[in-house]
């Protein structure tokens, strides 16, 4: 175990905070850990009655391109239950509500430097509802059948780790076709 010696907040933003922590290692040496503190998040795998999976495409500034992703969002509303956040994000980003929800699990996204823990849900028995994207968000929404998902994955069009994990946990076998591009 590492023991915290000191912690300094070096940045506080809309989505997360960054800390510079000094820690003592088990051997007694000291080192610095740069930590991104995040309130947590939810991700939703929306499956239509015909088996198609709904993905959203949005521009990601960090990557410099648009990515196909499952709907997801930050737990940024004080007191909001995780399941309520998932319902809100599905409506905001994809324009759907679901009658059946299954919790799939949760995972740390980048535990080497961040504490964000994302909880994944499968949403089924979908019906349209009004989408309410945030002012700084814009989405293209599209349902994909299994073959199309396999093609997106094999051609390198599915680059988002949360989407790949969510699809795997939902039992969507997108790995049937070999990778063509890395």
C-alpha atoms as a PDB file:
ATOM      1  CA  UNK A   1       0.000   0.000   0.000  1.00  0.00           C
ATOM      2  CA  UNK A   2       1.039   3.570  -0.563  1.00  0.00           C
ATOM      3  CA  UNK A   3       0.590   6.131   2.202  1.00  0.00           C
ATOM      4  CA  UNK A   4      -0.596   9.654   1.429  1.00  0.00           C
ATOM      5  CA  UNK A   5       1.885  12.273   2.665  1.00  0.00           C
ATOM      6  CA  UNK A   6       0.327  15.415   1.144  1.00  0.00           C
ATOM      7  CA  UNK A   7      -2.256  16.398  -1.450  1.00  0.00           C
ATOM      8  CA  UNK A   8      -2.516  19.601  -3.457  1.00  0.00           C
ATOM      9  CA  UNK A   9      -5.428  20.548  -5.726  1.00  0.00           C
ATOM     10  CA  UNK A  10      -3.879  21.868  -8.937  1.00  0.00           C
ATOM     11  CA  UNK A  11      -7.005  22.188 -11.094  1.00  0.00           C
ATOM     12  CA  UNK A  12     -10.758  22.248 -10.533  1.00  0.00           C
ATOM     13  CA  UNK A  13     -13.046  22.157 -13.562  1.00  0.00           C
ATOM     14  CA  UNK A  14     -16.601  21.384 -14.619  1.00  0.00           C
ATOM     15  CA  UNK A  15     -16.082  17.605 -14.901  1.00  0.00           C
ATOM     16  CA  UNK A  16     -13.178  16.740 -12.620  1.00  0.00           C
ATOM     17  CA  UNK A  17     -10.412  17.899 -10.307  1.00  0.00           C
ATOM     18  CA  UNK A  18      -6.686  17.202 -10.575  1.00  0.00           C
ATOM     19  CA  UNK A  19      -4.532  16.608  -7.503  1.00  0.00           C
ATOM     20  CA  UNK A  20      -0.805  16.290  -7.022  1.00  0.00           C
ATOM     21  CA  UNK A  21      -0.361  13.750  -4.231  1.00  0.00           C
ATOM     22  CA  UNK A  22       2.898  12.902  -2.554  1.00  0.00           C
ATOM     23  CA  UNK A  23       2.901   9.297  -1.346  1.00  0.00           C
ATOM     24  CA  UNK A  24       5.251   7.082   0.617  1.00  0.00           C
ATOM     25  CA  UNK A  25       5.913   3.738  -1.061  1.00  0.00           C
ATOM     26  CA  UNK A  26       6.147   0.488   0.949  1.00  0.00           C
ATOM     27  CA  UNK A  27       9.963   0.709   0.737  1.00  0.00           C
ATOM     28  CA  UNK A  28       9.882   4.165   2.393  1.00  0.00           C
ATOM     29  CA  UNK A  29      10.679   6.200  -0.730  1.00  0.00           C
ATOM     30  CA  UNK A  30       8.458   9.116  -1.695  1.00  0.00           C
ATOM     31  CA  UNK A  31       7.010   9.833  -5.111  1.00  0.00           C
ATOM     32  CA  UNK A  32       4.350  11.984  -6.766  1.00  0.00           C
ATOM     33  CA  UNK A  33       0.995  10.713  -8.082  1.00  0.00           C
ATOM     34  CA  UNK A  34      -1.065  12.961 -10.366  1.00  0.00           C
ATOM     35  CA  UNK A  35      -4.695  12.035  -9.800  1.00  0.00           C
ATOM     36  CA  UNK A  36      -7.843  12.956 -11.719  1.00  0.00           C
ATOM     37  CA  UNK A  37     -10.818  12.882  -9.336  1.00  0.00           C
ATOM     38  CA  UNK A  38     -14.143  12.319 -11.100  1.00  0.00           C
ATOM     39  CA  UNK A  39     -17.670  11.950  -9.665  1.00  0.00           C
ATOM     40  CA  UNK A  40     -18.338   8.752 -11.654  1.00  0.00           C
ATOM     41  CA  UNK A  41     -20.399   8.019 -14.711  1.00  0.00           C
ATOM     42  CA  UNK A  42     -22.938   5.747 -16.348  1.00  0.00           C
ATOM     43  CA  UNK A  43     -23.042   4.066 -19.761  1.00  0.00           C
ATOM     44  CA  UNK A  44     -26.033   2.494 -21.441  1.00  0.00           C
ATOM     45  CA  UNK A  45     -26.257  -0.251 -24.071  1.00  0.00           C
ATOM     46  CA  UNK A  46     -29.673   0.401 -25.691  1.00  0.00           C
ATOM     47  CA  UNK A  47     -30.991  -2.753 -27.396  1.00  0.00           C
ATOM     48  CA  UNK A  48     -34.077  -2.504 -29.593  1.00  0.00           C
ATOM     49  CA  UNK A  49     -36.651  -5.312 -29.816  1.00  0.00           C
ATOM     50  CA  UNK A  50     -35.111  -6.484 -33.117  1.00  0.00           C
ATOM     51  CA  UNK A  51     -31.680  -6.792 -31.452  1.00  0.00           C
ATOM     52  CA  UNK A  52     -30.146  -3.685 -32.991  1.00  0.00           C
ATOM     53  CA  UNK A  53     -27.916  -1.627 -30.701  1.00  0.00           C
ATOM     54  CA  UNK A  54     -28.358   2.138 -30.675  1.00  0.00           C
ATOM     55  CA  UNK A  55     -25.108   4.103 -30.863  1.00  0.00           C
ATOM     56  CA  UNK A  56     -24.525   7.837 -30.868  1.00  0.00           C
ATOM     57  CA  UNK A  57     -21.893   9.576 -32.954  1.00  0.00           C
ATOM     58  CA  UNK A  58     -20.325  12.705 -31.601  1.00  0.00           C
ATOM     59  CA  UNK A  59     -17.228  14.770 -32.172  1.00  0.00           C
ATOM     60  CA  UNK A  60     -14.567  14.221 -29.497  1.00  0.00           C
ATOM     61  CA  UNK A  61     -12.184  17.148 -29.367  1.00  0.00           C
ATOM     62  CA  UNK A  62      -9.369  15.093 -27.801  1.00  0.00           C
ATOM     63  CA  UNK A  63      -9.366  12.577 -30.672  1.00  0.00           C
ATOM     64  CA  UNK A  64     -10.000  15.152 -33.377  1.00  0.00           C
ATOM     65  CA  UNK A  65     -12.770  13.021 -34.864  1.00  0.00           C
ATOM     66  CA  UNK A  66     -16.283  11.716 -34.431  1.00  0.00           C
ATOM     67  CA  UNK A  67     -16.707   8.413 -32.601  1.00  0.00           C
ATOM     68  CA  UNK A  68     -19.528   5.885 -32.439  1.00  0.00           C
ATOM     69  CA  UNK A  69     -20.343   5.300 -28.766  1.00  0.00           C
ATOM     70  CA  UNK A  70     -22.963   3.948 -26.430  1.00  0.00           C
ATOM     71  CA  UNK A  71     -24.809   6.763 -24.604  1.00  0.00           C
ATOM     72  CA  UNK A  72     -23.030   7.770 -21.403  1.00  0.00           C
ATOM     73  CA  UNK A  73     -22.617  10.634 -19.003  1.00  0.00           C
ATOM     74  CA  UNK A  74     -21.252  11.974 -15.767  1.00  0.00           C
ATOM     75  CA  UNK A  75     -22.930  11.708 -12.384  1.00  0.00           C
ATOM     76  CA  UNK A  76     -23.070  15.488 -12.140  1.00  0.00           C
ATOM     77  CA  UNK A  77     -26.512  16.058 -10.592  1.00  0.00           C
ATOM     78  CA  UNK A  78     -26.318  16.198  -6.766  1.00  0.00           C
ATOM     79  CA  UNK A  79     -28.346  13.424  -5.132  1.00  0.00           C
ATOM     80  CA  UNK A  80     -29.270  11.753  -8.423  1.00  0.00           C
ATOM     81  CA  UNK A  81     -29.410   7.945  -8.206  1.00  0.00           C
ATOM     82  CA  UNK A  82     -27.254   6.040 -10.672  1.00  0.00           C
ATOM     83  CA  UNK A  83     -30.277   4.435 -12.375  1.00  0.00           C
ATOM     84  CA  UNK A  84     -31.895   7.868 -12.755  1.00  0.00           C
ATOM     85  CA  UNK A  85     -28.697   9.215 -14.319  1.00  0.00           C
ATOM     86  CA  UNK A  86     -28.743   6.322 -16.803  1.00  0.00           C
ATOM     87  CA  UNK A  87     -32.367   7.068 -17.727  1.00  0.00           C
ATOM     88  CA  UNK A  88     -31.539  10.767 -18.130  1.00  0.00           C
ATOM     89  CA  UNK A  89     -28.512  10.113 -20.344  1.00  0.00           C
ATOM     90  CA  UNK A  90     -30.386   7.652 -22.579  1.00  0.00           C
ATOM     91  CA  UNK A  91     -33.091  10.260 -23.174  1.00  0.00           C
ATOM     92  CA  UNK A  92     -30.663  13.190 -23.582  1.00  0.00           C
ATOM     93  CA  UNK A  93     -28.289  11.516 -26.004  1.00  0.00           C
ATOM     94  CA  UNK A  94     -30.331   8.929 -27.886  1.00  0.00           C
ATOM     95  CA  UNK A  95     -33.934  10.101 -27.521  1.00  0.00           C
ATOM     96  CA  UNK A  96     -35.162   6.851 -25.948  1.00  0.00           C
ATOM     97  CA  UNK A  97     -36.634   5.628 -22.709  1.00  0.00           C
ATOM     98  CA  UNK A  98     -36.553   1.990 -21.634  1.00  0.00           C
ATOM     99  CA  UNK A  99     -38.991  -0.181 -19.703  1.00  0.00           C
ATOM    100  CA  UNK A 100     -36.430  -2.837 -18.799  1.00  0.00           C
ATOM    101  CA  UNK A 101     -33.035  -2.132 -17.241  1.00  0.00           C
ATOM    102  CA  UNK A 102     -30.271  -4.549 -16.309  1.00  0.00           C
ATOM    103  CA  UNK A 103     -27.157  -3.535 -14.395  1.00  0.00           C
ATOM    104  CA  UNK A 104     -24.127  -5.023 -16.186  1.00  0.00           C
ATOM    105  CA  UNK A 105     -21.317  -4.025 -13.815  1.00  0.00           C
ATOM    106  CA  UNK A 106     -18.891  -1.224 -13.161  1.00  0.00           C
ATOM    107  CA  UNK A 107     -15.234  -0.577 -13.925  1.00  0.00           C
ATOM    108  CA  UNK A 108     -12.509   1.995 -13.357  1.00  0.00           C
ATOM    109  CA  UNK A 109     -11.798   3.581 -16.740  1.00  0.00           C
ATOM    110  CA  UNK A 110      -8.177   4.690 -16.242  1.00  0.00           C
ATOM    111  CA  UNK A 111      -7.000   3.559 -12.785  1.00  0.00           C
ATOM    112  CA  UNK A 112      -3.403   4.531 -13.512  1.00  0.00           C
ATOM    113  CA  UNK A 113      -4.269   8.196 -12.956  1.00  0.00           C
ATOM    114  CA  UNK A 114      -8.033   8.584 -12.469  1.00  0.00           C
ATOM    115  CA  UNK A 115     -10.690   7.388 -10.050  1.00  0.00           C
ATOM    116  CA  UNK A 116     -13.649   7.542 -12.481  1.00  0.00           C
ATOM    117  CA  UNK A 117     -15.817   4.472 -12.019  1.00  0.00           C
ATOM    118  CA  UNK A 118     -18.378   3.868 -14.759  1.00  0.00           C
ATOM    119  CA  UNK A 119     -21.487   1.762 -14.172  1.00  0.00           C
ATOM    120  CA  UNK A 120     -22.942   0.002 -17.217  1.00  0.00           C
ATOM    121  CA  UNK A 121     -26.590  -0.778 -17.929  1.00  0.00           C
ATOM    122  CA  UNK A 122     -28.467  -2.679 -20.620  1.00  0.00           C
ATOM    123  CA  UNK A 123     -31.639  -0.808 -21.629  1.00  0.00           C
ATOM    124  CA  UNK A 124     -34.371  -2.779 -23.421  1.00  0.00           C
ATOM    125  CA  UNK A 125     -38.017  -2.341 -24.412  1.00  0.00           C
ATOM    126  CA  UNK A 126     -37.146   1.043 -25.886  1.00  0.00           C
ATOM    127  CA  UNK A 127     -39.603   3.706 -26.938  1.00  0.00           C
ATOM    128  CA  UNK A 128     -38.910   7.156 -28.361  1.00  0.00           C
ATOM    129  CA  UNK A 129     -38.862  10.193 -26.125  1.00  0.00           C
ATOM    130  CA  UNK A 130     -37.738  13.762 -26.605  1.00  0.00           C
ATOM    131  CA  UNK A 131     -33.962  14.130 -26.701  1.00  0.00           C
ATOM    132  CA  UNK A 132     -32.496  16.938 -24.586  1.00  0.00           C
ATOM    133  CA  UNK A 133     -28.815  17.167 -25.483  1.00  0.00           C
ATOM    134  CA  UNK A 134     -26.717  19.528 -23.380  1.00  0.00           C
ATOM    135  CA  UNK A 135     -25.831  22.840 -25.047  1.00  0.00           C
ATOM    136  CA  UNK A 136     -22.256  21.693 -25.760  1.00  0.00           C
ATOM    137  CA  UNK A 137     -23.296  18.313 -27.203  1.00  0.00           C
ATOM    138  CA  UNK A 138     -24.536  17.194 -30.603  1.00  0.00           C
ATOM    139  CA  UNK A 139     -25.399  13.621 -31.544  1.00  0.00           C
ATOM    140  CA  UNK A 140     -26.222  11.506 -34.557  1.00  0.00           C
ATOM    141  CA  UNK A 141     -28.189   8.454 -33.435  1.00  0.00           C
ATOM    142  CA  UNK A 142     -28.227   5.173 -35.331  1.00  0.00           C
ATOM    143  CA  UNK A 143     -29.262   1.589 -34.586  1.00  0.00           C
ATOM    144  CA  UNK A 144     -26.832  -1.098 -35.795  1.00  0.00           C
ATOM    145  CA  UNK A 145     -27.444  -4.786 -36.362  1.00  0.00           C
ATOM    146  CA  UNK A 146     -24.836  -7.347 -35.313  1.00  0.00           C
ATOM    147  CA  UNK A 147     -23.130  -7.544 -38.695  1.00  0.00           C
ATOM    148  CA  UNK A 148     -22.788  -3.770 -38.940  1.00  0.00           C
ATOM    149  CA  UNK A 149     -21.329  -3.638 -35.406  1.00  0.00           C
ATOM    150  CA  UNK A 150     -18.831  -6.345 -36.368  1.00  0.00           C
ATOM    151  CA  UNK A 151     -17.818  -4.349 -39.449  1.00  0.00           C
ATOM    152  CA  UNK A 152     -17.451  -1.146 -37.397  1.00  0.00           C
ATOM    153  CA  UNK A 153     -15.224  -2.995 -34.944  1.00  0.00           C
ATOM    154  CA  UNK A 154     -13.123  -4.831 -37.539  1.00  0.00           C
ATOM    155  CA  UNK A 155     -12.488  -1.679 -39.597  1.00  0.00           C
ATOM    156  CA  UNK A 156     -11.443   0.344 -36.557  1.00  0.00           C
ATOM    157  CA  UNK A 157     -14.546   2.528 -36.457  1.00  0.00           C
ATOM    158  CA  UNK A 158     -15.323   1.452 -32.885  1.00  0.00           C
ATOM    159  CA  UNK A 159     -12.489   3.107 -30.947  1.00  0.00           C
ATOM    160  CA  UNK A 160     -14.227   3.926 -27.663  1.00  0.00           C
ATOM    161  CA  UNK A 161     -13.243   1.624 -24.774  1.00  0.00           C
ATOM    162  CA  UNK A 162     -16.465   2.093 -22.797  1.00  0.00           C
ATOM    163  CA  UNK A 163     -18.461   1.087 -25.876  1.00  0.00           C
ATOM    164  CA  UNK A 164     -16.383  -2.032 -26.450  1.00  0.00           C
ATOM    165  CA  UNK A 165     -16.688  -3.032 -22.781  1.00  0.00           C
ATOM    166  CA  UNK A 166     -20.409  -2.282 -22.647  1.00  0.00           C
ATOM    167  CA  UNK A 167     -21.087  -4.356 -25.761  1.00  0.00           C
ATOM    168  CA  UNK A 168     -19.017  -7.244 -24.371  1.00  0.00           C
ATOM    169  CA  UNK A 169     -20.850  -7.181 -21.036  1.00  0.00           C
ATOM    170  CA  UNK A 170     -24.194  -7.053 -22.870  1.00  0.00           C
ATOM    171  CA  UNK A 171     -23.200 -10.230 -24.722  1.00  0.00           C
ATOM    172  CA  UNK A 172     -22.969  -8.619 -28.167  1.00  0.00           C
ATOM    173  CA  UNK A 173     -20.454 -10.779 -30.124  1.00  0.00           C
ATOM    174  CA  UNK A 174     -18.726  -8.089 -32.176  1.00  0.00           C
ATOM    175  CA  UNK A 175     -15.417  -9.984 -32.379  1.00  0.00           C
ATOM    176  CA  UNK A 176     -16.489 -12.420 -35.102  1.00  0.00           C
ATOM    177  CA  UNK A 177     -14.662 -10.564 -37.897  1.00  0.00           C
ATOM    178  CA  UNK A 178     -10.881 -10.074 -37.732  1.00  0.00           C
ATOM    179  CA  UNK A 179      -9.303  -6.655 -37.221  1.00  0.00           C
ATOM    180  CA  UNK A 180      -8.357  -5.003 -40.484  1.00  0.00           C
ATOM    181  CA  UNK A 181      -6.830  -1.831 -39.100  1.00  0.00           C
ATOM    182  CA  UNK A 182      -5.007  -0.944 -35.910  1.00  0.00           C
END
